[in-house]
Amino acid sequence: MTLRLEPGDVEVVVAGERLLLCPELAVYRATERTLYVADTHFGKSATFRSEGLPVPHGTTADAVARLDALRARLDVQRLIILGDFLHAAQGRTPGTLDALRDWRSRWADVEMTLVRGNHDRHAGD
């Protein structure tokens, strides 16, 4: 597959491996068809709202939309999430979990690996 560069993409070579740094906060390794993202913090707004902080809705939807946009333009067969998939246990609201279920069903053919981060330890499985 020919890599389609978009405005803001930066190609770098690290240890002989060509990587695409994407402005959607991801790194793509074309030879492995692997997308790397870190700190998605799904449910972050819901967590803050559960503590009484008036923050806007939509952080989970925005993060999912960024991932969907990346998949639409890259040949992604594997997704590696480098920590902090969920922000906190309080963010595991029905709305957040439904959005993640819908997203995962759209990505059903993509192998996913989570490298647990400090937030994941506290958010629960």
N, C-alpha and C. Protein backbone atom coordinates (compact mmCIF):
# COMPACT_ATOMS: atom_id res chain seq x y z
N MET A 1 0.84 -1.19 0.00
CA MET A 1 0.00 0.00 0.00
C MET A 1 0.89 1.24 0.00
N THR A 2 0.55 2.18 -0.84
CA THR A 2 1.25 3.45 -0.87
C THR A 2 0.70 4.32 0.25
N LEU A 3 1.60 4.86 1.04
CA LEU A 3 1.20 5.69 2.16
C LEU A 3 0.76 7.05 1.64
N ARG A 4 -0.46 7.44 1.99
CA ARG A 4 -1.01 8.73 1.58
C ARG A 4 -0.74 9.74 2.69
N LEU A 5 0.16 10.66 2.42
CA LEU A 5 0.48 11.68 3.41
C LEU A 5 -0.58 12.77 3.40
N GLU A 6 -0.90 13.22 4.59
CA GLU A 6 -1.85 14.30 4.78
C GLU A 6 -1.11 15.50 5.36
N PRO A 7 -1.69 16.69 5.24
CA PRO A 7 -1.05 17.86 5.86
C PRO A 7 -0.83 17.61 7.36
N GLY A 8 0.34 17.92 7.81
CA GLY A 8 0.68 17.72 9.22
C GLY A 8 1.40 16.42 9.50
N ASP A 9 1.33 15.44 8.58
CA ASP A 9 2.08 14.20 8.75
C ASP A 9 3.57 14.48 8.63
N VAL A 10 4.35 13.75 9.39
CA VAL A 10 5.81 13.86 9.31
C VAL A 10 6.37 12.45 9.23
N GLU A 11 7.18 12.21 8.21
CA GLU A 11 7.86 10.91 8.10
C GLU A 11 9.22 11.01 8.76
N VAL A 12 9.55 9.99 9.57
CA VAL A 12 10.86 9.92 10.19
C VAL A 12 11.38 8.50 10.03
N VAL A 13 12.68 8.35 10.13
CA VAL A 13 13.30 7.03 10.12
C VAL A 13 13.99 6.85 11.46
N VAL A 14 13.60 5.79 12.16
CA VAL A 14 14.16 5.46 13.47
C VAL A 14 14.70 4.05 13.39
N ALA A 15 16.00 3.90 13.64
CA ALA A 15 16.65 2.59 13.58
C ALA A 15 16.34 1.88 12.26
N GLY A 16 16.33 2.64 11.19
CA GLY A 16 16.09 2.08 9.86
C GLY A 16 14.63 1.84 9.54
N GLU A 17 13.75 2.13 10.46
CA GLU A 17 12.32 1.90 10.26
C GLU A 17 11.61 3.22 9.96
N ARG A 18 10.86 3.25 8.88
CA ARG A 18 10.11 4.44 8.49
C ARG A 18 8.83 4.51 9.30
N LEU A 19 8.62 5.63 9.97
CA LEU A 19 7.42 5.86 10.77
C LEU A 19 6.72 7.12 10.29
N LEU A 20 5.42 7.12 10.45
CA LEU A 20 4.62 8.29 10.11
C LEU A 20 4.08 8.87 11.41
N LEU A 21 4.49 10.10 11.71
CA LEU A 21 3.96 10.81 12.87
C LEU A 21 2.73 11.58 12.41
N CYS A 22 1.60 11.25 13.00
CA CYS A 22 0.32 11.81 12.55
C CYS A 22 -0.16 12.90 13.52
N PRO A 23 -0.71 13.98 12.99
CA PRO A 23 -1.19 15.05 13.88
C PRO A 23 -2.38 14.61 14.73
N GLU A 24 -2.98 13.46 14.42
CA GLU A 24 -4.08 12.94 15.23
C GLU A 24 -3.56 12.23 16.48
N LEU A 25 -2.32 12.53 16.84
CA LEU A 25 -1.69 12.02 18.06
C LEU A 25 -1.42 10.52 17.97
N ALA A 26 -0.83 10.10 16.88
CA ALA A 26 -0.53 8.69 16.66
C ALA A 26 0.73 8.54 15.84
N VAL A 27 1.28 7.33 15.89
CA VAL A 27 2.42 6.94 15.07
C VAL A 27 2.00 5.70 14.30
N TYR A 28 2.32 5.69 13.01
CA TYR A 28 1.96 4.56 12.16
C TYR A 28 3.23 3.93 11.61
N ARG A 29 3.30 2.61 11.76
CA ARG A 29 4.42 1.81 11.23
C ARG A 29 3.88 0.98 10.08
N ALA A 30 4.12 1.44 8.86
CA ALA A 30 3.51 0.84 7.68
C ALA A 30 3.95 -0.60 7.46
N THR A 31 5.22 -0.92 7.73
CA THR A 31 5.69 -2.28 7.47
C THR A 31 4.96 -3.31 8.31
N GLU A 32 4.47 -2.92 9.46
CA GLU A 32 3.72 -3.82 10.35
C GLU A 32 2.23 -3.52 10.34
N ARG A 33 1.84 -2.48 9.59
CA ARG A 33 0.45 -2.02 9.54
C ARG A 33 -0.10 -1.81 10.95
N THR A 34 0.75 -1.16 11.77
CA THR A 34 0.45 -0.96 13.19
C THR A 34 0.33 0.52 13.50
N LEU A 35 -0.72 0.85 14.23
CA LEU A 35 -0.96 2.21 14.69
C LEU A 35 -0.72 2.24 16.20
N TYR A 36 0.07 3.21 16.65
CA TYR A 36 0.38 3.37 18.06
C TYR A 36 -0.27 4.66 18.55
N VAL A 37 -0.99 4.57 19.65
CA VAL A 37 -1.56 5.76 20.30
C VAL A 37 -1.30 5.63 21.80
N ALA A 38 -1.29 6.75 22.47
CA ALA A 38 -1.09 6.75 23.92
C ALA A 38 -2.09 7.71 24.55
N ASP A 39 -2.44 7.40 25.77
CA ASP A 39 -3.22 8.33 26.59
C ASP A 39 -4.55 8.73 25.97
N THR A 40 -5.33 7.75 25.55
CA THR A 40 -6.65 8.07 25.02
C THR A 40 -7.57 8.63 26.11
N HIS A 41 -7.40 8.21 27.33
CA HIS A 41 -8.16 8.71 28.49
C HIS A 41 -9.66 8.74 28.23
N PHE A 42 -10.17 7.66 27.65
CA PHE A 42 -11.62 7.58 27.44
C PHE A 42 -12.33 7.78 28.77
N GLY A 43 -13.43 8.53 28.74
CA GLY A 43 -14.22 8.79 29.94
C GLY A 43 -13.69 9.90 30.82
N LYS A 44 -12.74 10.68 30.32
CA LYS A 44 -12.15 11.74 31.15
C LYS A 44 -13.17 12.80 31.54
N SER A 45 -13.95 13.28 30.59
CA SER A 45 -14.95 14.30 30.91
C SER A 45 -15.98 13.76 31.88
N ALA A 46 -16.41 12.51 31.66
CA ALA A 46 -17.39 11.90 32.57
C ALA A 46 -16.83 11.81 33.98
N THR A 47 -15.54 11.51 34.09
CA THR A 47 -14.89 11.46 35.41
C THR A 47 -14.94 12.81 36.08
N PHE A 48 -14.56 13.85 35.37
CA PHE A 48 -14.56 15.19 35.95
C PHE A 48 -15.97 15.62 36.34
N ARG A 49 -16.94 15.32 35.48
CA ARG A 49 -18.33 15.68 35.80
C ARG A 49 -18.82 14.94 37.04
N SER A 50 -18.38 13.69 37.22
CA SER A 50 -18.79 12.93 38.41
C SER A 50 -18.26 13.56 39.69
N GLU A 51 -17.21 14.37 39.57
CA GLU A 51 -16.63 15.08 40.71
C GLU A 51 -17.20 16.49 40.84
N GLY A 52 -18.20 16.81 40.01
CA GLY A 52 -18.85 18.11 40.10
C GLY A 52 -18.17 19.21 39.30
N LEU A 53 -17.19 18.86 38.48
CA LEU A 53 -16.52 19.87 37.66
C LEU A 53 -17.27 20.06 36.35
N PRO A 54 -17.62 21.28 36.00
CA PRO A 54 -18.38 21.53 34.78
C PRO A 54 -17.50 21.53 33.54
N VAL A 55 -17.31 20.36 32.97
CA VAL A 55 -16.50 20.26 31.75
C VAL A 55 -17.40 19.81 30.60
N PRO A 56 -17.03 20.16 29.39
CA PRO A 56 -17.87 19.80 28.25
C PRO A 56 -17.87 18.29 28.00
N HIS A 57 -18.92 17.83 27.37
CA HIS A 57 -19.02 16.45 26.92
C HIS A 57 -18.20 16.30 25.64
N GLY A 58 -17.87 15.07 25.29
CA GLY A 58 -17.33 14.83 23.97
C GLY A 58 -15.89 14.39 23.86
N THR A 59 -15.16 14.25 24.97
CA THR A 59 -13.76 13.86 24.82
C THR A 59 -13.64 12.44 24.27
N THR A 60 -14.51 11.55 24.70
CA THR A 60 -14.47 10.17 24.18
C THR A 60 -14.85 10.16 22.71
N ALA A 61 -15.91 10.87 22.36
CA ALA A 61 -16.34 10.93 20.96
C ALA A 61 -15.24 11.54 20.08
N ASP A 62 -14.56 12.56 20.57
CA ASP A 62 -13.47 13.18 19.80
C ASP A 62 -12.32 12.20 19.59
N ALA A 63 -11.96 11.48 20.64
CA ALA A 63 -10.85 10.51 20.52
C ALA A 63 -11.22 9.38 19.56
N VAL A 64 -12.45 8.90 19.64
CA VAL A 64 -12.91 7.84 18.73
C VAL A 64 -12.91 8.36 17.29
N ALA A 65 -13.37 9.57 17.09
CA ALA A 65 -13.40 10.15 15.74
C ALA A 65 -11.98 10.27 15.16
N ARG A 66 -11.01 10.66 16.00
CA ARG A 66 -9.61 10.73 15.54
C ARG A 66 -9.11 9.35 15.10
N LEU A 67 -9.42 8.33 15.91
CA LEU A 67 -9.00 6.97 15.55
C LEU A 67 -9.68 6.51 14.26
N ASP A 68 -10.98 6.78 14.14
CA ASP A 68 -11.70 6.39 12.92
C ASP A 68 -11.12 7.08 11.69
N ALA A 69 -10.75 8.35 11.82
CA ALA A 69 -10.16 9.09 10.70
C ALA A 69 -8.81 8.49 10.31
N LEU A 70 -8.03 8.09 11.29
CA LEU A 70 -6.75 7.44 10.99
C LEU A 70 -6.96 6.13 10.25
N ARG A 71 -7.91 5.36 10.72
CA ARG A 71 -8.16 4.07 10.07
C ARG A 71 -8.66 4.26 8.65
N ALA A 72 -9.41 5.32 8.40
CA ALA A 72 -9.94 5.57 7.07
C ALA A 72 -8.83 5.84 6.06
N ARG A 73 -7.69 6.33 6.51
CA ARG A 73 -6.62 6.67 5.57
C ARG A 73 -5.38 5.79 5.67
N LEU A 74 -5.32 4.94 6.69
CA LEU A 74 -4.16 4.07 6.86
C LEU A 74 -4.61 2.61 6.88
N ASP A 75 -3.74 1.74 6.46
CA ASP A 75 -4.02 0.30 6.45
C ASP A 75 -3.68 -0.27 7.83
N VAL A 76 -4.61 -0.15 8.75
CA VAL A 76 -4.37 -0.54 10.15
C VAL A 76 -4.87 -1.96 10.37
N GLN A 77 -3.96 -2.83 10.75
CA GLN A 77 -4.34 -4.20 11.13
C GLN A 77 -4.10 -4.45 12.60
N ARG A 78 -3.33 -3.56 13.24
CA ARG A 78 -3.01 -3.72 14.65
C ARG A 78 -3.01 -2.33 15.29
N LEU A 79 -3.59 -2.25 16.48
CA LEU A 79 -3.60 -1.01 17.26
C LEU A 79 -2.95 -1.31 18.60
N ILE A 80 -1.93 -0.55 18.92
CA ILE A 80 -1.26 -0.67 20.22
C ILE A 80 -1.58 0.60 21.00
N ILE A 81 -2.23 0.45 22.13
CA ILE A 81 -2.56 1.59 22.98
C ILE A 81 -1.53 1.61 24.10
N LEU A 82 -0.74 2.65 24.13
CA LEU A 82 0.39 2.74 25.05
C LEU A 82 -0.01 3.43 26.35
N GLY A 83 -0.90 2.81 27.07
CA GLY A 83 -1.26 3.28 28.40
C GLY A 83 -2.41 4.27 28.43
N ASP A 84 -3.09 4.23 29.57
CA ASP A 84 -4.16 5.16 29.91
C ASP A 84 -5.31 5.14 28.90
N PHE A 85 -5.80 3.93 28.66
CA PHE A 85 -6.98 3.74 27.80
C PHE A 85 -8.18 4.44 28.44
N LEU A 86 -8.46 4.13 29.69
CA LEU A 86 -9.53 4.78 30.45
C LEU A 86 -8.91 5.80 31.40
N HIS A 87 -9.66 6.84 31.69
CA HIS A 87 -9.13 7.86 32.60
C HIS A 87 -9.26 7.43 34.06
N ALA A 88 -10.45 6.93 34.43
CA ALA A 88 -10.71 6.54 35.82
C ALA A 88 -11.97 5.69 35.87
N ALA A 89 -12.16 5.00 36.96
CA ALA A 89 -13.35 4.16 37.12
C ALA A 89 -14.64 4.98 37.01
N GLN A 90 -14.62 6.22 37.49
CA GLN A 90 -15.82 7.07 37.43
C GLN A 90 -16.22 7.40 36.00
N GLY A 91 -15.31 7.27 35.08
CA GLY A 91 -15.60 7.56 33.68
C GLY A 91 -16.25 6.41 32.94
N ARG A 92 -16.42 5.28 33.61
CA ARG A 92 -17.01 4.10 32.98
C ARG A 92 -18.54 4.21 33.02
N THR A 93 -19.03 5.29 32.46
CA THR A 93 -20.48 5.53 32.42
C THR A 93 -21.09 4.73 31.28
N PRO A 94 -22.42 4.52 31.32
CA PRO A 94 -23.06 3.81 30.20
C PRO A 94 -22.77 4.47 28.85
N GLY A 95 -22.77 5.79 28.80
CA GLY A 95 -22.50 6.48 27.53
C GLY A 95 -21.09 6.22 27.01
N THR A 96 -20.12 6.26 27.90
CA THR A 96 -18.73 5.99 27.51
C THR A 96 -18.58 4.55 27.06
N LEU A 97 -19.10 3.63 27.84
CA LEU A 97 -18.97 2.21 27.49
C LEU A 97 -19.70 1.86 26.21
N ASP A 98 -20.87 2.46 25.97
CA ASP A 98 -21.59 2.23 24.71
C ASP A 98 -20.78 2.75 23.52
N ALA A 99 -20.20 3.95 23.68
CA ALA A 99 -19.39 4.52 22.59
C ALA A 99 -18.20 3.62 22.29
N LEU A 100 -17.58 3.07 23.32
CA LEU A 100 -16.42 2.20 23.11
C LEU A 100 -16.83 0.87 22.49
N ARG A 101 -17.98 0.33 22.90
CA ARG A 101 -18.49 -0.90 22.27
C ARG A 101 -18.74 -0.69 20.79
N ASP A 102 -19.39 0.43 20.45
CA ASP A 102 -19.67 0.74 19.05
C ASP A 102 -18.36 0.88 18.25
N TRP A 103 -17.40 1.59 18.83
CA TRP A 103 -16.11 1.77 18.17
C TRP A 103 -15.42 0.44 17.97
N ARG A 104 -15.40 -0.39 19.01
CA ARG A 104 -14.71 -1.69 18.89
C ARG A 104 -15.39 -2.57 17.85
N SER A 105 -16.71 -2.50 17.73
CA SER A 105 -17.40 -3.30 16.72
C SER A 105 -17.02 -2.85 15.31
N ARG A 106 -16.79 -1.55 15.12
CA ARG A 106 -16.34 -1.05 13.81
C ARG A 106 -14.90 -1.49 13.52
N TRP A 107 -14.14 -1.75 14.54
CA TRP A 107 -12.74 -2.14 14.42
C TRP A 107 -12.56 -3.64 14.73
N ALA A 108 -13.58 -4.42 14.54
CA ALA A 108 -13.56 -5.84 14.95
C ALA A 108 -12.43 -6.63 14.31
N ASP A 109 -12.03 -6.25 13.11
CA ASP A 109 -10.98 -6.99 12.41
C ASP A 109 -9.56 -6.51 12.76
N VAL A 110 -9.45 -5.57 13.67
CA VAL A 110 -8.15 -5.03 14.07
C VAL A 110 -7.73 -5.66 15.39
N GLU A 111 -6.52 -6.21 15.40
CA GLU A 111 -5.95 -6.74 16.64
C GLU A 111 -5.58 -5.57 17.53
N MET A 112 -5.94 -5.64 18.80
CA MET A 112 -5.63 -4.54 19.72
C MET A 112 -4.88 -5.06 20.94
N THR A 113 -3.90 -4.25 21.35
CA THR A 113 -3.13 -4.55 22.55
C THR A 113 -3.10 -3.29 23.41
N LEU A 114 -3.35 -3.48 24.69
CA LEU A 114 -3.25 -2.38 25.64
C LEU A 114 -2.06 -2.62 26.54
N VAL A 115 -1.15 -1.66 26.55
CA VAL A 115 -0.07 -1.64 27.52
C VAL A 115 -0.61 -0.79 28.66
N ARG A 116 -0.91 -1.44 29.77
CA ARG A 116 -1.58 -0.73 30.86
C ARG A 116 -0.73 0.39 31.42
N GLY A 117 -1.37 1.52 31.64
CA GLY A 117 -0.70 2.68 32.24
C GLY A 117 -1.22 2.91 33.66
N ASN A 118 -0.74 3.96 34.28
CA ASN A 118 -1.13 4.22 35.65
C ASN A 118 -2.63 4.46 35.81
N HIS A 119 -3.27 5.10 34.86
CA HIS A 119 -4.72 5.31 34.95
C HIS A 119 -5.47 3.99 34.79
N ASP A 120 -4.98 3.11 33.95
CA ASP A 120 -5.65 1.83 33.71
C ASP A 120 -5.68 0.98 34.99
N ARG A 121 -4.64 1.03 35.76
CA ARG A 121 -4.62 0.27 37.02
C ARG A 121 -5.74 0.69 37.94
N HIS A 122 -6.09 1.97 37.92
CA HIS A 122 -7.13 2.49 38.81
C HIS A 122 -8.52 2.44 38.18
N ALA A 123 -8.60 2.38 36.87
CA ALA A 123 -9.90 2.39 36.17
C ALA A 123 -10.58 1.03 36.20
N GLY A 124 -9.82 -0.04 36.34
CA GLY A 124 -10.39 -1.38 36.36
C GLY A 124 -10.53 -1.96 34.97
N ASP A 125 -10.80 -3.25 34.94
CA ASP A 125 -10.92 -3.95 33.67
C ASP A 125 -12.33 -3.88 33.13
